[in-house]
Amino acid sequence: MRVSKADGSQVLDLQRDALIVAGVLERNIYSDMASGKQDNRPGMESCLKALRAGDTLVVWKLDRLGRSLHHLVNVVQQLTDQNIGLRVLTGQGAAIDTTTAAGKLVFGIFAALAEFERELIRERTIAGLAAARARGRNGGRKPKMTPAKLRLAQAALGERGTIVADLCEELGISSQTLYRHVSPTGELRPSGERIFKGTKR
């Protein structure tokens, strides 16, 4: 069971009654008072840990279980891999009962929709990056090593007594990143030359 608010404006009575009518024992009912978008849901985690092969997870509505279609599919796939069924009592997912052939078919349609959703997001991301590149903007994370940091690194490594760990902490980079661009004696490597390409030295 789950309600989104813990301020008393939402109660679990309707869900509890429905689960009991469906044959769920009171001691096997778990609950959360948290938004479905939150990852930290102790009741849900305890419920999933308590399930064993041959059990069936019963939820009042499908949206009580997961944050999104993609998340739901992943949860149900994990249950299936452990030979645990899922039964939804009401709402849009009421036809889902993975312990039956018809229920498995319905869930298969949900899984296909989730895959379709992922492909759409992927295509939109690729198209957006291509459009940005066409306008001279590159996507992705900004490089940690900049021309200014590279100059500082060269100067510091060219001096005796430089402590590499302190230098990396000051520049906000790892030693692997440092040595990918500069040698231990302060000489530029090919990757460091590329950073300077197009900049005034």
N, C-alpha and C. Protein backbone atom coordinates (compact mmCIF):
# COMPACT_ATOMS: atom_id res chain seq x y z
N MET A 1 0.85 -1.18 0.00
CA MET A 1 0.00 0.00 0.00
C MET A 1 0.89 1.23 0.00
N ARG A 2 0.36 2.32 -0.58
CA ARG A 2 1.11 3.57 -0.53
C ARG A 2 0.18 4.76 -0.71
N VAL A 3 0.42 5.80 0.07
CA VAL A 3 -0.18 7.11 -0.16
C VAL A 3 0.97 8.11 -0.24
N SER A 4 0.73 9.23 -0.93
CA SER A 4 1.81 10.17 -1.19
C SER A 4 2.10 11.10 -0.03
N LYS A 5 1.10 11.35 0.82
CA LYS A 5 1.28 12.31 1.90
C LYS A 5 1.14 11.65 3.27
N ALA A 6 1.97 12.11 4.19
CA ALA A 6 1.94 11.57 5.55
C ALA A 6 1.32 12.55 6.53
N ASP A 7 0.59 13.55 6.03
CA ASP A 7 0.02 14.57 6.91
C ASP A 7 -1.39 14.24 7.39
N GLY A 8 -1.86 13.03 7.09
CA GLY A 8 -3.20 12.62 7.51
C GLY A 8 -4.30 12.91 6.52
N SER A 9 -3.97 13.63 5.44
CA SER A 9 -4.99 13.96 4.45
C SER A 9 -5.30 12.78 3.54
N GLN A 10 -4.43 11.78 3.54
CA GLN A 10 -4.65 10.55 2.76
C GLN A 10 -4.52 9.35 3.69
N VAL A 11 -5.41 8.39 3.52
CA VAL A 11 -5.40 7.22 4.40
C VAL A 11 -5.28 5.94 3.57
N LEU A 12 -4.89 4.87 4.25
CA LEU A 12 -4.64 3.59 3.59
C LEU A 12 -5.81 2.62 3.72
N ASP A 13 -6.90 3.03 4.36
CA ASP A 13 -8.00 2.12 4.66
C ASP A 13 -8.55 1.41 3.44
N LEU A 14 -8.79 2.16 2.35
CA LEU A 14 -9.38 1.57 1.15
C LEU A 14 -8.46 0.50 0.57
N GLN A 15 -7.18 0.80 0.52
CA GLN A 15 -6.22 -0.16 -0.02
C GLN A 15 -6.11 -1.39 0.88
N ARG A 16 -6.09 -1.17 2.19
CA ARG A 16 -5.98 -2.29 3.14
C ARG A 16 -7.18 -3.22 3.01
N ASP A 17 -8.37 -2.64 2.95
CA ASP A 17 -9.59 -3.45 2.83
C ASP A 17 -9.57 -4.28 1.55
N ALA A 18 -9.13 -3.66 0.44
CA ALA A 18 -9.09 -4.37 -0.84
C ALA A 18 -8.10 -5.52 -0.81
N LEU A 19 -6.95 -5.30 -0.18
CA LEU A 19 -5.94 -6.36 -0.09
C LEU A 19 -6.43 -7.53 0.76
N ILE A 20 -7.09 -7.21 1.86
CA ILE A 20 -7.61 -8.27 2.74
C ILE A 20 -8.69 -9.09 2.03
N VAL A 21 -9.59 -8.40 1.30
CA VAL A 21 -10.63 -9.10 0.53
C VAL A 21 -9.99 -10.01 -0.52
N ALA A 22 -8.84 -9.57 -1.07
CA ALA A 22 -8.14 -10.37 -2.09
C ALA A 22 -7.41 -11.56 -1.49
N GLY A 23 -7.42 -11.67 -0.15
CA GLY A 23 -6.81 -12.83 0.49
C GLY A 23 -5.45 -12.59 1.10
N VAL A 24 -5.00 -11.33 1.14
CA VAL A 24 -3.70 -11.03 1.74
C VAL A 24 -3.86 -10.95 3.26
N LEU A 25 -3.01 -11.66 3.99
CA LEU A 25 -3.07 -11.63 5.44
C LEU A 25 -2.55 -10.29 5.96
N GLU A 26 -3.13 -9.82 7.04
CA GLU A 26 -2.75 -8.52 7.61
C GLU A 26 -1.25 -8.45 7.88
N ARG A 27 -0.67 -9.55 8.35
CA ARG A 27 0.76 -9.54 8.70
C ARG A 27 1.65 -9.43 7.46
N ASN A 28 1.07 -9.68 6.28
CA ASN A 28 1.84 -9.62 5.04
C ASN A 28 1.62 -8.32 4.27
N ILE A 29 0.96 -7.35 4.90
CA ILE A 29 0.68 -6.07 4.23
C ILE A 29 1.76 -5.06 4.61
N TYR A 30 2.35 -4.43 3.62
CA TYR A 30 3.39 -3.42 3.83
C TYR A 30 2.88 -2.09 3.29
N SER A 31 3.37 -1.00 3.89
CA SER A 31 2.88 0.32 3.47
C SER A 31 3.97 1.36 3.48
N ASP A 32 3.76 2.39 2.67
CA ASP A 32 4.64 3.56 2.63
C ASP A 32 3.77 4.81 2.59
N MET A 33 4.27 5.86 3.18
CA MET A 33 3.64 7.18 3.05
C MET A 33 4.68 8.09 2.41
N ALA A 34 4.78 7.99 1.10
CA ALA A 34 5.80 8.73 0.36
C ALA A 34 5.41 8.79 -1.10
N SER A 35 5.92 9.79 -1.79
CA SER A 35 5.67 9.93 -3.21
C SER A 35 6.24 8.74 -3.96
N GLY A 36 5.56 8.31 -5.01
CA GLY A 36 6.05 7.19 -5.81
C GLY A 36 7.34 7.52 -6.54
N LYS A 37 7.70 8.82 -6.61
CA LYS A 37 8.93 9.23 -7.29
C LYS A 37 10.15 9.07 -6.40
N GLN A 38 9.92 8.86 -5.10
CA GLN A 38 11.04 8.74 -4.18
C GLN A 38 11.65 7.34 -4.23
N ASP A 39 12.98 7.30 -4.16
CA ASP A 39 13.67 6.00 -4.15
C ASP A 39 13.61 5.36 -2.77
N ASN A 40 13.58 6.18 -1.72
CA ASN A 40 13.59 5.66 -0.35
C ASN A 40 12.17 5.31 0.09
N ARG A 41 11.80 4.04 -0.07
CA ARG A 41 10.48 3.57 0.32
C ARG A 41 10.67 2.30 1.15
N PRO A 42 10.84 2.46 2.48
CA PRO A 42 11.16 1.33 3.36
C PRO A 42 10.15 0.19 3.29
N GLY A 43 8.85 0.53 3.22
CA GLY A 43 7.83 -0.52 3.16
C GLY A 43 7.97 -1.36 1.92
N MET A 44 8.21 -0.71 0.79
CA MET A 44 8.39 -1.40 -0.48
C MET A 44 9.63 -2.30 -0.43
N GLU A 45 10.72 -1.76 0.12
CA GLU A 45 11.95 -2.55 0.21
C GLU A 45 11.76 -3.78 1.10
N SER A 46 11.07 -3.60 2.23
CA SER A 46 10.83 -4.72 3.14
C SER A 46 9.95 -5.77 2.49
N CYS A 47 8.96 -5.31 1.74
CA CYS A 47 8.05 -6.23 1.06
C CYS A 47 8.81 -7.08 0.04
N LEU A 48 9.62 -6.43 -0.79
CA LEU A 48 10.36 -7.16 -1.82
C LEU A 48 11.35 -8.16 -1.20
N LYS A 49 11.93 -7.79 -0.06
CA LYS A 49 12.86 -8.70 0.62
C LYS A 49 12.14 -9.91 1.21
N ALA A 50 10.89 -9.71 1.61
CA ALA A 50 10.13 -10.79 2.24
C ALA A 50 9.60 -11.81 1.24
N LEU A 51 9.47 -11.42 -0.02
CA LEU A 51 8.90 -12.31 -1.04
C LEU A 51 9.83 -13.48 -1.34
N ARG A 52 9.21 -14.63 -1.57
CA ARG A 52 9.95 -15.84 -1.91
C ARG A 52 9.37 -16.46 -3.17
N ALA A 53 10.13 -17.33 -3.79
CA ALA A 53 9.67 -18.00 -5.01
C ALA A 53 8.31 -18.66 -4.76
N GLY A 54 7.38 -18.45 -5.67
CA GLY A 54 6.04 -19.00 -5.53
C GLY A 54 5.05 -18.02 -4.92
N ASP A 55 5.54 -16.92 -4.32
CA ASP A 55 4.66 -15.89 -3.77
C ASP A 55 4.09 -15.02 -4.89
N THR A 56 3.07 -14.24 -4.54
CA THR A 56 2.50 -13.26 -5.47
C THR A 56 2.42 -11.91 -4.76
N LEU A 57 2.98 -10.90 -5.38
CA LEU A 57 2.89 -9.54 -4.85
C LEU A 57 1.56 -8.94 -5.31
N VAL A 58 0.75 -8.50 -4.38
CA VAL A 58 -0.57 -7.94 -4.70
C VAL A 58 -0.55 -6.44 -4.40
N VAL A 59 -0.93 -5.63 -5.39
CA VAL A 59 -1.02 -4.18 -5.19
C VAL A 59 -2.42 -3.72 -5.57
N TRP A 60 -2.86 -2.65 -4.91
CA TRP A 60 -4.20 -2.11 -5.17
C TRP A 60 -4.28 -1.55 -6.59
N LYS A 61 -3.35 -0.65 -6.93
CA LYS A 61 -3.24 -0.11 -8.28
C LYS A 61 -1.79 -0.17 -8.72
N LEU A 62 -1.59 -0.18 -10.02
CA LEU A 62 -0.23 -0.31 -10.55
C LEU A 62 0.65 0.87 -10.14
N ASP A 63 0.06 2.06 -10.03
CA ASP A 63 0.88 3.23 -9.69
C ASP A 63 1.32 3.23 -8.23
N ARG A 64 0.80 2.30 -7.42
CA ARG A 64 1.29 2.16 -6.04
C ARG A 64 2.65 1.48 -6.02
N LEU A 65 2.99 0.82 -7.12
CA LEU A 65 4.20 0.00 -7.15
C LEU A 65 5.42 0.75 -7.66
N GLY A 66 5.27 1.51 -8.76
CA GLY A 66 6.45 2.08 -9.38
C GLY A 66 6.34 3.54 -9.73
N ARG A 67 7.50 4.15 -10.04
CA ARG A 67 7.59 5.57 -10.34
C ARG A 67 7.25 5.88 -11.78
N SER A 68 7.51 4.93 -12.69
CA SER A 68 7.32 5.16 -14.11
C SER A 68 7.12 3.80 -14.78
N LEU A 69 6.73 3.83 -16.03
CA LEU A 69 6.53 2.58 -16.77
C LEU A 69 7.84 1.80 -16.83
N HIS A 70 8.93 2.49 -17.09
CA HIS A 70 10.23 1.83 -17.16
C HIS A 70 10.59 1.18 -15.82
N HIS A 71 10.35 1.90 -14.72
CA HIS A 71 10.63 1.36 -13.38
C HIS A 71 9.75 0.15 -13.10
N LEU A 72 8.46 0.24 -13.47
CA LEU A 72 7.53 -0.87 -13.25
C LEU A 72 8.00 -2.13 -13.98
N VAL A 73 8.39 -1.96 -15.22
CA VAL A 73 8.84 -3.11 -16.01
C VAL A 73 10.05 -3.76 -15.36
N ASN A 74 10.98 -2.94 -14.88
CA ASN A 74 12.17 -3.49 -14.22
C ASN A 74 11.82 -4.26 -12.96
N VAL A 75 10.90 -3.70 -12.16
CA VAL A 75 10.48 -4.36 -10.92
C VAL A 75 9.83 -5.71 -11.23
N VAL A 76 8.89 -5.70 -12.19
CA VAL A 76 8.18 -6.93 -12.51
C VAL A 76 9.13 -7.96 -13.13
N GLN A 77 10.11 -7.50 -13.90
CA GLN A 77 11.08 -8.43 -14.48
C GLN A 77 11.89 -9.10 -13.38
N GLN A 78 12.26 -8.32 -12.36
CA GLN A 78 12.98 -8.89 -11.21
C GLN A 78 12.13 -9.93 -10.49
N LEU A 79 10.84 -9.61 -10.32
CA LEU A 79 9.93 -10.57 -9.68
C LEU A 79 9.83 -11.85 -10.50
N THR A 80 9.70 -11.69 -11.80
CA THR A 80 9.56 -12.85 -12.69
C THR A 80 10.80 -13.73 -12.62
N ASP A 81 11.98 -13.09 -12.61
CA ASP A 81 13.23 -13.84 -12.54
C ASP A 81 13.31 -14.67 -11.26
N GLN A 82 12.63 -14.20 -10.19
CA GLN A 82 12.64 -14.91 -8.91
C GLN A 82 11.42 -15.82 -8.74
N ASN A 83 10.67 -16.00 -9.85
CA ASN A 83 9.46 -16.84 -9.83
C ASN A 83 8.42 -16.29 -8.85
N ILE A 84 8.29 -14.97 -8.84
CA ILE A 84 7.29 -14.29 -7.99
C ILE A 84 6.27 -13.62 -8.92
N GLY A 85 5.00 -13.81 -8.63
CA GLY A 85 3.95 -13.24 -9.47
C GLY A 85 3.57 -11.83 -9.04
N LEU A 86 2.81 -11.16 -9.89
CA LEU A 86 2.28 -9.82 -9.58
C LEU A 86 0.80 -9.80 -9.94
N ARG A 87 -0.01 -9.28 -9.02
CA ARG A 87 -1.44 -9.16 -9.27
C ARG A 87 -1.87 -7.74 -8.92
N VAL A 88 -2.56 -7.08 -9.86
CA VAL A 88 -3.06 -5.72 -9.65
C VAL A 88 -4.58 -5.79 -9.51
N LEU A 89 -5.10 -5.21 -8.42
CA LEU A 89 -6.53 -5.38 -8.11
C LEU A 89 -7.46 -4.47 -8.88
N THR A 90 -7.05 -3.23 -9.13
CA THR A 90 -7.96 -2.29 -9.78
C THR A 90 -7.18 -1.27 -10.59
N GLY A 91 -7.89 -0.37 -11.28
CA GLY A 91 -7.22 0.65 -12.07
C GLY A 91 -6.83 0.14 -13.44
N GLN A 92 -5.98 0.91 -14.12
CA GLN A 92 -5.61 0.60 -15.50
C GLN A 92 -4.85 -0.71 -15.65
N GLY A 93 -4.17 -1.13 -14.59
CA GLY A 93 -3.40 -2.37 -14.68
C GLY A 93 -4.11 -3.57 -14.12
N ALA A 94 -5.44 -3.48 -13.94
CA ALA A 94 -6.19 -4.55 -13.28
C ALA A 94 -6.13 -5.87 -14.03
N ALA A 95 -5.80 -5.84 -15.31
CA ALA A 95 -5.72 -7.08 -16.09
C ALA A 95 -4.41 -7.82 -15.86
N ILE A 96 -3.51 -7.19 -15.11
CA ILE A 96 -2.20 -7.81 -14.91
C ILE A 96 -2.24 -8.80 -13.75
N ASP A 97 -1.98 -10.02 -14.06
CA ASP A 97 -1.78 -11.08 -13.07
C ASP A 97 -0.79 -12.04 -13.72
N THR A 98 0.48 -11.85 -13.41
CA THR A 98 1.52 -12.60 -14.11
C THR A 98 1.56 -14.08 -13.75
N THR A 99 0.63 -14.51 -12.88
CA THR A 99 0.52 -15.94 -12.61
C THR A 99 -0.37 -16.62 -13.63
N THR A 100 -1.00 -15.84 -14.53
CA THR A 100 -1.86 -16.39 -15.58
C THR A 100 -1.29 -16.05 -16.95
N ALA A 101 -1.68 -16.83 -17.96
CA ALA A 101 -1.19 -16.60 -19.32
C ALA A 101 -1.66 -15.24 -19.85
N ALA A 102 -2.94 -14.90 -19.59
CA ALA A 102 -3.47 -13.63 -20.06
C ALA A 102 -2.76 -12.46 -19.41
N GLY A 103 -2.47 -12.60 -18.11
CA GLY A 103 -1.77 -11.53 -17.40
C GLY A 103 -0.36 -11.33 -17.91
N LYS A 104 0.31 -12.43 -18.25
CA LYS A 104 1.65 -12.34 -18.81
C LYS A 104 1.63 -11.62 -20.15
N LEU A 105 0.57 -11.87 -20.93
CA LEU A 105 0.44 -11.21 -22.23
C LEU A 105 0.29 -9.70 -22.06
N VAL A 106 -0.55 -9.30 -21.11
CA VAL A 106 -0.76 -7.87 -20.86
C VAL A 106 0.54 -7.23 -20.40
N PHE A 107 1.26 -7.90 -19.51
CA PHE A 107 2.52 -7.33 -19.06
C PHE A 107 3.53 -7.25 -20.19
N GLY A 108 3.49 -8.21 -21.11
CA GLY A 108 4.37 -8.17 -22.27
C GLY A 108 4.12 -6.91 -23.10
N ILE A 109 2.85 -6.50 -23.19
CA ILE A 109 2.51 -5.27 -23.91
C ILE A 109 3.09 -4.06 -23.18
N PHE A 110 2.99 -4.06 -21.84
CA PHE A 110 3.58 -2.97 -21.04
C PHE A 110 5.09 -2.90 -21.27
N ALA A 111 5.73 -4.05 -21.29
CA ALA A 111 7.18 -4.09 -21.48
C ALA A 111 7.56 -3.54 -22.85
N ALA A 112 6.76 -3.89 -23.87
CA ALA A 112 7.01 -3.39 -25.21
C ALA A 112 6.85 -1.87 -25.27
N LEU A 113 5.84 -1.35 -24.56
CA LEU A 113 5.63 0.10 -24.51
C LEU A 113 6.80 0.79 -23.81
N ALA A 114 7.31 0.19 -22.76
CA ALA A 114 8.44 0.77 -22.04
C ALA A 114 9.68 0.82 -22.94
N GLU A 115 9.90 -0.25 -23.70
CA GLU A 115 11.02 -0.29 -24.63
C GLU A 115 10.86 0.78 -25.71
N PHE A 116 9.62 0.95 -26.19
CA PHE A 116 9.31 1.97 -27.18
C PHE A 116 9.60 3.36 -26.62
N GLU A 117 9.23 3.57 -25.36
CA GLU A 117 9.47 4.86 -24.69
C GLU A 117 10.97 5.13 -24.59
N ARG A 118 11.76 4.13 -24.24
CA ARG A 118 13.21 4.30 -24.13
C ARG A 118 13.82 4.65 -25.48
N GLU A 119 13.35 3.99 -26.56
CA GLU A 119 13.87 4.28 -27.89
C GLU A 119 13.53 5.69 -28.34
N LEU A 120 12.32 6.16 -28.00
CA LEU A 120 11.93 7.52 -28.34
C LEU A 120 12.83 8.54 -27.64
N ILE A 121 13.09 8.30 -26.35
CA ILE A 121 13.96 9.20 -25.59
C ILE A 121 15.36 9.20 -26.19
N ARG A 122 15.86 8.02 -26.55
CA ARG A 122 17.19 7.91 -27.13
C ARG A 122 17.27 8.65 -28.46
N GLU A 123 16.24 8.48 -29.31
CA GLU A 123 16.23 9.15 -30.61
C GLU A 123 16.17 10.67 -30.44
N ARG A 124 15.35 11.14 -29.48
CA ARG A 124 15.26 12.58 -29.25
C ARG A 124 16.59 13.15 -28.75
N THR A 125 17.27 12.37 -27.89
CA THR A 125 18.56 12.82 -27.37
C THR A 125 19.59 12.95 -28.49
N ILE A 126 19.65 11.93 -29.35
CA ILE A 126 20.60 11.94 -30.47
C ILE A 126 20.30 13.09 -31.42
N ALA A 127 19.01 13.29 -31.71
CA ALA A 127 18.61 14.38 -32.60
C ALA A 127 18.96 15.74 -32.00
N GLY A 128 18.75 15.88 -30.68
CA GLY A 128 19.07 17.14 -30.01
C GLY A 128 20.55 17.44 -30.04
N LEU A 129 21.39 16.41 -29.80
CA LEU A 129 22.83 16.60 -29.84
C LEU A 129 23.31 16.96 -31.25
N ALA A 130 22.72 16.31 -32.26
CA ALA A 130 23.09 16.61 -33.65
C ALA A 130 22.74 18.05 -34.01
N ALA A 131 21.55 18.50 -33.57
CA ALA A 131 21.13 19.87 -33.84
C ALA A 131 22.05 20.87 -33.14
N ALA A 132 22.47 20.53 -31.91
CA ALA A 132 23.36 21.42 -31.16
C ALA A 132 24.73 21.50 -31.84
N ARG A 133 25.24 20.34 -32.31
CA ARG A 133 26.53 20.35 -32.99
C ARG A 133 26.48 21.16 -34.27
N ALA A 134 25.34 21.09 -34.98
CA ALA A 134 25.18 21.85 -36.23
C ALA A 134 25.23 23.35 -35.97
N ARG A 135 24.90 23.74 -34.75
CA ARG A 135 24.93 25.16 -34.38
C ARG A 135 26.21 25.52 -33.61
N GLY A 136 27.17 24.59 -33.63
CA GLY A 136 28.45 24.87 -33.00
C GLY A 136 28.52 24.60 -31.53
N ARG A 137 27.52 23.90 -30.99
CA ARG A 137 27.53 23.58 -29.56
C ARG A 137 27.72 22.08 -29.40
N ASN A 138 28.61 21.72 -28.51
CA ASN A 138 28.86 20.30 -28.26
C ASN A 138 28.22 19.89 -26.95
N GLY A 139 27.52 18.75 -26.96
CA GLY A 139 26.87 18.26 -25.75
C GLY A 139 27.83 17.47 -24.89
N GLY A 140 27.29 16.88 -23.83
CA GLY A 140 28.09 16.07 -22.94
C GLY A 140 28.74 16.88 -21.83
N ARG A 141 29.50 16.19 -20.98
CA ARG A 141 30.14 16.85 -19.86
C ARG A 141 31.29 17.74 -20.32
N LYS A 142 31.48 18.84 -19.63
CA LYS A 142 32.60 19.72 -19.95
C LYS A 142 33.89 19.05 -19.49
N PRO A 143 34.97 19.18 -20.28
CA PRO A 143 36.23 18.55 -19.88
C PRO A 143 36.77 19.15 -18.59
N LYS A 144 37.36 18.28 -17.75
CA LYS A 144 37.88 18.76 -16.47
C LYS A 144 39.20 19.51 -16.66
N MET A 145 39.94 19.14 -17.69
CA MET A 145 41.20 19.81 -17.94
C MET A 145 40.99 20.94 -18.94
N THR A 146 41.31 22.15 -18.53
CA THR A 146 41.17 23.34 -19.38
C THR A 146 42.55 23.88 -19.72
N PRO A 147 42.64 24.77 -20.72
CA PRO A 147 43.95 25.36 -21.05
C PRO A 147 44.62 26.03 -19.84
N ALA A 148 43.82 26.73 -19.02
CA ALA A 148 44.39 27.41 -17.86
C ALA A 148 44.95 26.39 -16.86
N LYS A 149 44.21 25.32 -16.60
CA LYS A 149 44.69 24.28 -15.68
C LYS A 149 45.95 23.60 -16.25
N LEU A 150 45.95 23.44 -17.56
CA LEU A 150 47.08 22.78 -18.20
C LEU A 150 48.35 23.60 -18.03
N ARG A 151 48.25 24.91 -18.16
CA ARG A 151 49.42 25.79 -17.98
C ARG A 151 49.94 25.70 -16.54
N LEU A 152 49.00 25.71 -15.59
CA LEU A 152 49.40 25.59 -14.18
C LEU A 152 50.08 24.25 -13.91
N ALA A 153 49.52 23.20 -14.49
CA ALA A 153 50.09 21.87 -14.30
C ALA A 153 51.49 21.78 -14.88
N GLN A 154 51.69 22.35 -16.08
CA GLN A 154 53.01 22.36 -16.70
C GLN A 154 54.03 23.07 -15.82
N ALA A 155 53.64 24.25 -15.34
CA ALA A 155 54.56 25.04 -14.52
C ALA A 155 54.89 24.33 -13.22
N ALA A 156 53.87 23.75 -12.58
CA ALA A 156 54.08 23.09 -11.30
C ALA A 156 54.94 21.85 -11.44
N LEU A 157 54.68 21.04 -12.46
CA LEU A 157 55.45 19.81 -12.64
C LEU A 157 56.87 20.10 -13.11
N GLY A 158 57.08 21.28 -13.66
CA GLY A 158 58.42 21.67 -14.09
C GLY A 158 59.30 22.08 -12.93
N GLU A 159 58.71 22.23 -11.75
CA GLU A 159 59.47 22.63 -10.56
C GLU A 159 59.71 21.43 -9.65
N ARG A 160 60.84 21.44 -8.99
CA ARG A 160 61.16 20.36 -8.04
C ARG A 160 60.31 20.51 -6.79
N GLY A 161 59.96 19.40 -6.18
CA GLY A 161 59.25 19.44 -4.91
C GLY A 161 57.74 19.53 -5.03
N THR A 162 57.20 19.54 -6.25
CA THR A 162 55.74 19.60 -6.41
C THR A 162 55.12 18.28 -5.97
N ILE A 163 54.13 18.37 -5.11
CA ILE A 163 53.40 17.17 -4.66
C ILE A 163 52.19 16.99 -5.56
N VAL A 164 52.19 15.90 -6.31
CA VAL A 164 51.16 15.67 -7.33
C VAL A 164 49.76 15.64 -6.71
N ALA A 165 49.61 15.01 -5.56
CA ALA A 165 48.28 14.92 -4.93
C ALA A 165 47.74 16.31 -4.61
N ASP A 166 48.62 17.19 -4.09
CA ASP A 166 48.19 18.55 -3.77
C ASP A 166 47.83 19.32 -5.04
N LEU A 167 48.62 19.13 -6.09
CA LEU A 167 48.35 19.80 -7.36
C LEU A 167 47.01 19.38 -7.93
N CYS A 168 46.75 18.08 -7.90
CA CYS A 168 45.48 17.56 -8.44
C CYS A 168 44.29 18.09 -7.63
N GLU A 169 44.44 18.16 -6.31
CA GLU A 169 43.36 18.67 -5.47
C GLU A 169 43.09 20.14 -5.79
N GLU A 170 44.17 20.90 -6.01
CA GLU A 170 44.02 22.32 -6.32
C GLU A 170 43.34 22.52 -7.68
N LEU A 171 43.67 21.67 -8.63
CA LEU A 171 43.09 21.80 -9.98
C LEU A 171 41.73 21.12 -10.11
N GLY A 172 41.37 20.29 -9.13
CA GLY A 172 40.09 19.59 -9.19
C GLY A 172 40.06 18.47 -10.21
N ILE A 173 41.19 17.78 -10.36
CA ILE A 173 41.28 16.68 -11.32
C ILE A 173 41.95 15.48 -10.64
N SER A 174 41.89 14.33 -11.31
CA SER A 174 42.56 13.15 -10.79
C SER A 174 43.98 13.08 -11.36
N SER A 175 44.80 12.25 -10.74
CA SER A 175 46.17 12.09 -11.25
C SER A 175 46.17 11.46 -12.64
N GLN A 176 45.16 10.58 -12.90
CA GLN A 176 45.07 9.98 -14.23
C GLN A 176 44.81 11.04 -15.29
N THR A 177 43.92 11.99 -14.96
CA THR A 177 43.63 13.08 -15.90
C THR A 177 44.87 13.94 -16.11
N LEU A 178 45.58 14.23 -15.03
CA LEU A 178 46.79 15.05 -15.12
C LEU A 178 47.80 14.41 -16.06
N TYR A 179 48.12 13.14 -15.80
CA TYR A 179 49.16 12.48 -16.58
C TYR A 179 48.72 12.11 -18.00
N ARG A 180 47.41 12.17 -18.24
CA ARG A 180 46.94 11.94 -19.61
C ARG A 180 47.32 13.11 -20.51
N HIS A 181 47.46 14.29 -19.91
CA HIS A 181 47.74 15.50 -20.68
C HIS A 181 49.15 16.04 -20.51
N VAL A 182 49.78 15.73 -19.37
CA VAL A 182 51.12 16.26 -19.07
C VAL A 182 52.00 15.15 -18.53
N SER A 183 53.26 15.14 -18.93
CA SER A 183 54.19 14.14 -18.41
C SER A 183 54.63 14.54 -17.01
N PRO A 184 55.26 13.62 -16.25
CA PRO A 184 55.71 13.95 -14.89
C PRO A 184 56.71 15.10 -14.84
N THR A 185 57.34 15.41 -15.99
CA THR A 185 58.31 16.52 -16.02
C THR A 185 57.70 17.81 -16.57
N GLY A 186 56.37 17.78 -16.83
CA GLY A 186 55.71 19.00 -17.28
C GLY A 186 55.60 19.17 -18.77
N GLU A 187 55.97 18.16 -19.53
CA GLU A 187 55.89 18.26 -20.99
C GLU A 187 54.49 17.86 -21.47
N LEU A 188 54.00 18.57 -22.49
CA LEU A 188 52.68 18.29 -23.02
C LEU A 188 52.64 16.96 -23.75
N ARG A 189 51.56 16.22 -23.53
CA ARG A 189 51.30 15.02 -24.32
C ARG A 189 50.37 15.40 -25.47
N PRO A 190 50.16 14.50 -26.46
CA PRO A 190 49.28 14.84 -27.60
C PRO A 190 47.89 15.30 -27.18
N SER A 191 47.32 14.68 -26.11
CA SER A 191 45.99 15.08 -25.66
C SER A 191 46.01 16.50 -25.11
N GLY A 192 47.13 16.89 -24.49
CA GLY A 192 47.26 18.25 -24.00
C GLY A 192 47.38 19.25 -25.13
N GLU A 193 48.05 18.85 -26.20
CA GLU A 193 48.15 19.71 -27.38
C GLU A 193 46.77 19.99 -27.96
N ARG A 194 45.90 18.98 -27.92
CA ARG A 194 44.56 19.15 -28.47
C ARG A 194 43.75 20.17 -27.67
N ILE A 195 43.98 20.21 -26.36
CA ILE A 195 43.27 21.18 -25.53
C ILE A 195 43.67 22.59 -25.92
N PHE A 196 44.96 22.77 -26.25
CA PHE A 196 45.44 24.10 -26.61
C PHE A 196 45.06 24.49 -28.04
N LYS A 197 44.64 23.52 -28.82
CA LYS A 197 44.32 23.81 -30.21
C LYS A 197 43.22 24.87 -30.29
N GLY A 198 43.47 25.91 -31.01
CA GLY A 198 42.48 26.96 -31.17
C GLY A 198 42.52 28.00 -30.08
N THR A 199 43.43 27.87 -29.07
CA THR A 199 43.56 28.86 -28.01
C THR A 199 44.87 29.58 -28.14
N LYS A 200 44.97 30.79 -27.63
CA LYS A 200 46.22 31.55 -27.66
C LYS A 200 47.10 31.11 -26.51
N ARG A 201 48.33 30.78 -26.79
CA ARG A 201 49.26 30.32 -25.75
C ARG A 201 50.22 31.41 -25.38
